Amino acid sequence: MNEPKIAGKGPVVRDLEPGTYYWCRCGRSAEQPFCDGSHEGTGLAPEEFTVESRLRAALCRCKRTKTPPFCDGSHKSLV
């Protein structure tokens, strides 16, 4: 498995409607924090997650979170 690219050193906050989403795990997507298919060939598939009701969420962009797709503050330890 390849190391994911750091897409940002802080989360992005989004208002999410109910539905299924695909969070970018590779860090290469131009549609951060969501997948646009740029992971092809990286060995890193997107993380599928479902939102049951409207939700304001801080979504990880550093790709080091222990609670994907949500930010857990791991970006604070990046150099």
N, C-alpha and C. Protein backbone atom coordinates (compact mmCIF):
# COMPACT_ATOMS: atom_id res chain seq x y z
N MET A 1 0.84 -1.18 0.00
CA MET A 1 0.00 0.00 0.00
C MET A 1 0.88 1.24 0.00
N ASN A 2 0.49 2.23 -0.76
CA ASN A 2 1.22 3.48 -0.86
C ASN A 2 0.84 4.41 0.29
N GLU A 3 1.72 5.34 0.60
CA GLU A 3 1.46 6.36 1.61
C GLU A 3 0.56 7.42 0.99
N PRO A 4 -0.53 7.80 1.67
CA PRO A 4 -1.40 8.83 1.10
C PRO A 4 -0.73 10.20 1.08
N LYS A 5 -1.08 10.99 0.10
CA LYS A 5 -0.59 12.36 -0.04
C LYS A 5 -1.38 13.24 0.94
N ILE A 6 -0.72 14.18 1.58
CA ILE A 6 -1.39 15.13 2.47
C ILE A 6 -2.05 16.18 1.59
N ALA A 7 -3.39 16.20 1.61
CA ALA A 7 -4.14 17.14 0.78
C ALA A 7 -4.31 18.49 1.46
N GLY A 8 -4.13 18.52 2.77
CA GLY A 8 -4.26 19.75 3.53
C GLY A 8 -3.92 19.50 4.98
N LYS A 9 -3.45 20.51 5.67
CA LYS A 9 -3.05 20.35 7.08
C LYS A 9 -4.13 20.86 8.02
N GLY A 10 -5.35 20.60 7.65
CA GLY A 10 -6.50 20.94 8.48
C GLY A 10 -7.74 20.36 7.83
N PRO A 11 -8.80 20.21 8.59
CA PRO A 11 -10.02 19.63 8.03
C PRO A 11 -10.76 20.62 7.13
N VAL A 12 -11.70 20.10 6.39
CA VAL A 12 -12.64 20.93 5.64
C VAL A 12 -14.02 20.64 6.25
N VAL A 13 -14.75 21.70 6.55
CA VAL A 13 -16.07 21.54 7.15
C VAL A 13 -17.11 21.60 6.04
N ARG A 14 -17.98 20.59 6.02
CA ARG A 14 -19.02 20.50 5.00
C ARG A 14 -20.36 20.19 5.67
N ASP A 15 -21.42 20.77 5.11
CA ASP A 15 -22.78 20.39 5.48
C ASP A 15 -23.17 19.27 4.55
N LEU A 16 -23.43 18.10 5.11
CA LEU A 16 -23.74 16.91 4.32
C LEU A 16 -25.22 16.57 4.42
N GLU A 17 -25.80 16.27 3.29
CA GLU A 17 -27.18 15.80 3.23
C GLU A 17 -27.17 14.28 3.36
N PRO A 18 -28.30 13.68 3.74
CA PRO A 18 -28.35 12.22 3.81
C PRO A 18 -27.95 11.60 2.47
N GLY A 19 -27.16 10.54 2.55
CA GLY A 19 -26.72 9.85 1.34
C GLY A 19 -25.40 9.14 1.57
N THR A 20 -24.87 8.59 0.50
CA THR A 20 -23.60 7.87 0.52
C THR A 20 -22.53 8.73 -0.11
N TYR A 21 -21.38 8.77 0.54
CA TYR A 21 -20.26 9.59 0.10
C TYR A 21 -19.01 8.72 0.01
N TYR A 22 -18.04 9.18 -0.76
CA TYR A 22 -16.76 8.48 -0.91
C TYR A 22 -15.65 9.46 -0.58
N TRP A 23 -15.04 9.26 0.59
CA TRP A 23 -13.96 10.12 1.08
C TRP A 23 -12.64 9.67 0.45
N CYS A 24 -11.90 10.62 -0.08
CA CYS A 24 -10.60 10.34 -0.70
C CYS A 24 -9.61 9.89 0.37
N ARG A 25 -9.02 8.71 0.19
CA ARG A 25 -7.99 8.21 1.11
C ARG A 25 -6.59 8.43 0.57
N CYS A 26 -6.47 8.65 -0.74
CA CYS A 26 -5.12 8.76 -1.34
C CYS A 26 -4.56 10.18 -1.28
N GLY A 27 -5.43 11.19 -1.17
CA GLY A 27 -4.98 12.57 -1.13
C GLY A 27 -4.77 13.21 -2.49
N ARG A 28 -5.05 12.48 -3.57
CA ARG A 28 -4.79 12.99 -4.91
C ARG A 28 -6.00 13.63 -5.60
N SER A 29 -7.17 13.46 -5.04
CA SER A 29 -8.39 13.97 -5.66
C SER A 29 -8.40 15.49 -5.74
N ALA A 30 -8.86 16.00 -6.88
CA ALA A 30 -9.04 17.45 -7.04
C ALA A 30 -10.35 17.90 -6.41
N GLU A 31 -11.16 16.95 -5.95
CA GLU A 31 -12.47 17.23 -5.35
C GLU A 31 -12.43 17.03 -3.84
N GLN A 32 -11.30 17.29 -3.19
CA GLN A 32 -11.15 17.09 -1.75
C GLN A 32 -12.32 17.68 -0.97
N PRO A 33 -12.79 16.93 0.00
CA PRO A 33 -12.25 15.70 0.57
C PRO A 33 -12.83 14.44 -0.06
N PHE A 34 -13.53 14.60 -1.18
CA PHE A 34 -14.21 13.46 -1.80
C PHE A 34 -13.41 12.89 -2.96
N CYS A 35 -13.67 11.64 -3.27
CA CYS A 35 -12.97 10.91 -4.32
C CYS A 35 -13.39 11.37 -5.71
N ASP A 36 -12.42 11.48 -6.61
CA ASP A 36 -12.71 11.76 -8.02
C ASP A 36 -12.10 10.68 -8.93
N GLY A 37 -11.65 9.58 -8.33
CA GLY A 37 -11.07 8.49 -9.10
C GLY A 37 -9.57 8.57 -9.28
N SER A 38 -8.93 9.57 -8.73
CA SER A 38 -7.48 9.74 -8.88
C SER A 38 -6.66 8.67 -8.19
N HIS A 39 -7.30 7.84 -7.38
CA HIS A 39 -6.59 6.79 -6.64
C HIS A 39 -6.19 5.61 -7.52
N GLU A 40 -6.68 5.54 -8.74
CA GLU A 40 -6.38 4.40 -9.61
C GLU A 40 -4.88 4.13 -9.65
N GLY A 41 -4.52 2.90 -9.34
CA GLY A 41 -3.12 2.48 -9.35
C GLY A 41 -2.36 2.75 -8.06
N THR A 42 -2.99 3.38 -7.08
CA THR A 42 -2.28 3.69 -5.83
C THR A 42 -2.41 2.60 -4.79
N GLY A 43 -3.41 1.72 -4.93
CA GLY A 43 -3.68 0.72 -3.91
C GLY A 43 -4.51 1.28 -2.76
N LEU A 44 -4.95 2.52 -2.87
CA LEU A 44 -5.75 3.18 -1.83
C LEU A 44 -7.15 3.46 -2.37
N ALA A 45 -8.11 2.68 -1.94
CA ALA A 45 -9.50 2.88 -2.38
C ALA A 45 -10.18 3.91 -1.49
N PRO A 46 -11.20 4.59 -2.00
CA PRO A 46 -11.91 5.57 -1.18
C PRO A 46 -12.66 4.90 -0.03
N GLU A 47 -12.95 5.68 0.99
CA GLU A 47 -13.70 5.23 2.15
C GLU A 47 -15.17 5.59 1.93
N GLU A 48 -16.02 4.59 1.82
CA GLU A 48 -17.45 4.83 1.67
C GLU A 48 -18.06 5.10 3.04
N PHE A 49 -18.89 6.14 3.13
CA PHE A 49 -19.60 6.38 4.38
C PHE A 49 -20.99 6.92 4.07
N THR A 50 -21.91 6.65 4.99
CA THR A 50 -23.30 7.02 4.81
C THR A 50 -23.71 8.01 5.89
N VAL A 51 -24.43 9.03 5.47
CA VAL A 51 -24.98 10.03 6.38
C VAL A 51 -26.49 9.77 6.45
N GLU A 52 -26.99 9.57 7.64
CA GLU A 52 -28.41 9.25 7.83
C GLU A 52 -29.29 10.50 7.91
N SER A 53 -28.75 11.59 8.48
CA SER A 53 -29.50 12.84 8.58
C SER A 53 -28.51 13.99 8.39
N ARG A 54 -29.04 15.18 8.08
CA ARG A 54 -28.16 16.34 7.84
C ARG A 54 -27.09 16.41 8.92
N LEU A 55 -25.88 16.72 8.48
CA LEU A 55 -24.74 16.69 9.39
C LEU A 55 -23.72 17.73 8.96
N ARG A 56 -23.23 18.51 9.90
CA ARG A 56 -22.08 19.38 9.65
C ARG A 56 -20.88 18.61 10.15
N ALA A 57 -19.92 18.35 9.26
CA ALA A 57 -18.80 17.48 9.61
C ALA A 57 -17.47 18.10 9.23
N ALA A 58 -16.47 17.87 10.07
CA ALA A 58 -15.08 18.24 9.78
C ALA A 58 -14.43 17.00 9.17
N LEU A 59 -14.16 17.06 7.88
CA LEU A 59 -13.61 15.92 7.15
C LEU A 59 -12.11 16.07 6.99
N CYS A 60 -11.40 14.99 7.25
CA CYS A 60 -9.94 14.98 7.24
C CYS A 60 -9.39 15.20 5.83
N ARG A 61 -8.35 16.04 5.74
CA ARG A 61 -7.61 16.23 4.49
C ARG A 61 -6.16 15.77 4.61
N CYS A 62 -5.68 15.53 5.84
CA CYS A 62 -4.28 15.10 5.98
C CYS A 62 -4.13 13.60 5.73
N LYS A 63 -5.24 12.89 5.78
CA LYS A 63 -5.30 11.44 5.51
C LYS A 63 -4.60 10.61 6.58
N ARG A 64 -4.43 11.18 7.77
CA ARG A 64 -3.78 10.46 8.88
C ARG A 64 -4.76 10.18 10.04
N THR A 65 -6.02 10.57 9.88
CA THR A 65 -7.00 10.39 10.94
C THR A 65 -7.17 8.91 11.32
N LYS A 66 -7.48 8.68 12.56
CA LYS A 66 -7.78 7.33 13.05
C LYS A 66 -9.30 7.09 13.00
N THR A 67 -10.06 8.12 12.60
CA THR A 67 -11.52 8.03 12.55
C THR A 67 -12.05 8.46 11.18
N PRO A 68 -11.56 7.83 10.10
CA PRO A 68 -11.96 8.26 8.77
C PRO A 68 -13.48 8.16 8.57
N PRO A 69 -14.04 9.12 7.90
CA PRO A 69 -13.47 10.24 7.17
C PRO A 69 -13.34 11.51 8.02
N PHE A 70 -13.64 11.38 9.31
CA PHE A 70 -13.72 12.56 10.16
C PHE A 70 -12.37 12.94 10.76
N CYS A 71 -12.13 14.23 10.88
CA CYS A 71 -10.90 14.74 11.45
C CYS A 71 -10.81 14.38 12.94
N ASP A 72 -9.66 13.91 13.36
CA ASP A 72 -9.43 13.63 14.78
C ASP A 72 -8.29 14.48 15.33
N GLY A 73 -7.83 15.46 14.57
CA GLY A 73 -6.75 16.33 15.00
C GLY A 73 -5.36 15.82 14.66
N SER A 74 -5.26 14.71 13.94
CA SER A 74 -3.94 14.16 13.59
C SER A 74 -3.07 15.14 12.83
N HIS A 75 -3.68 16.07 12.10
CA HIS A 75 -2.92 17.06 11.31
C HIS A 75 -2.04 17.93 12.21
N LYS A 76 -2.38 18.04 13.49
CA LYS A 76 -1.61 18.88 14.40
C LYS A 76 -0.20 18.33 14.64
N SER A 77 0.00 17.05 14.39
CA SER A 77 1.32 16.44 14.62
C SER A 77 2.16 16.37 13.35
N LEU A 78 1.65 16.88 12.23
CA LEU A 78 2.42 16.87 10.98
C LEU A 78 3.48 17.96 11.00
N VAL A 79 4.61 17.65 10.40
CA VAL A 79 5.70 18.61 10.30
C VAL A 79 5.56 19.40 9.04
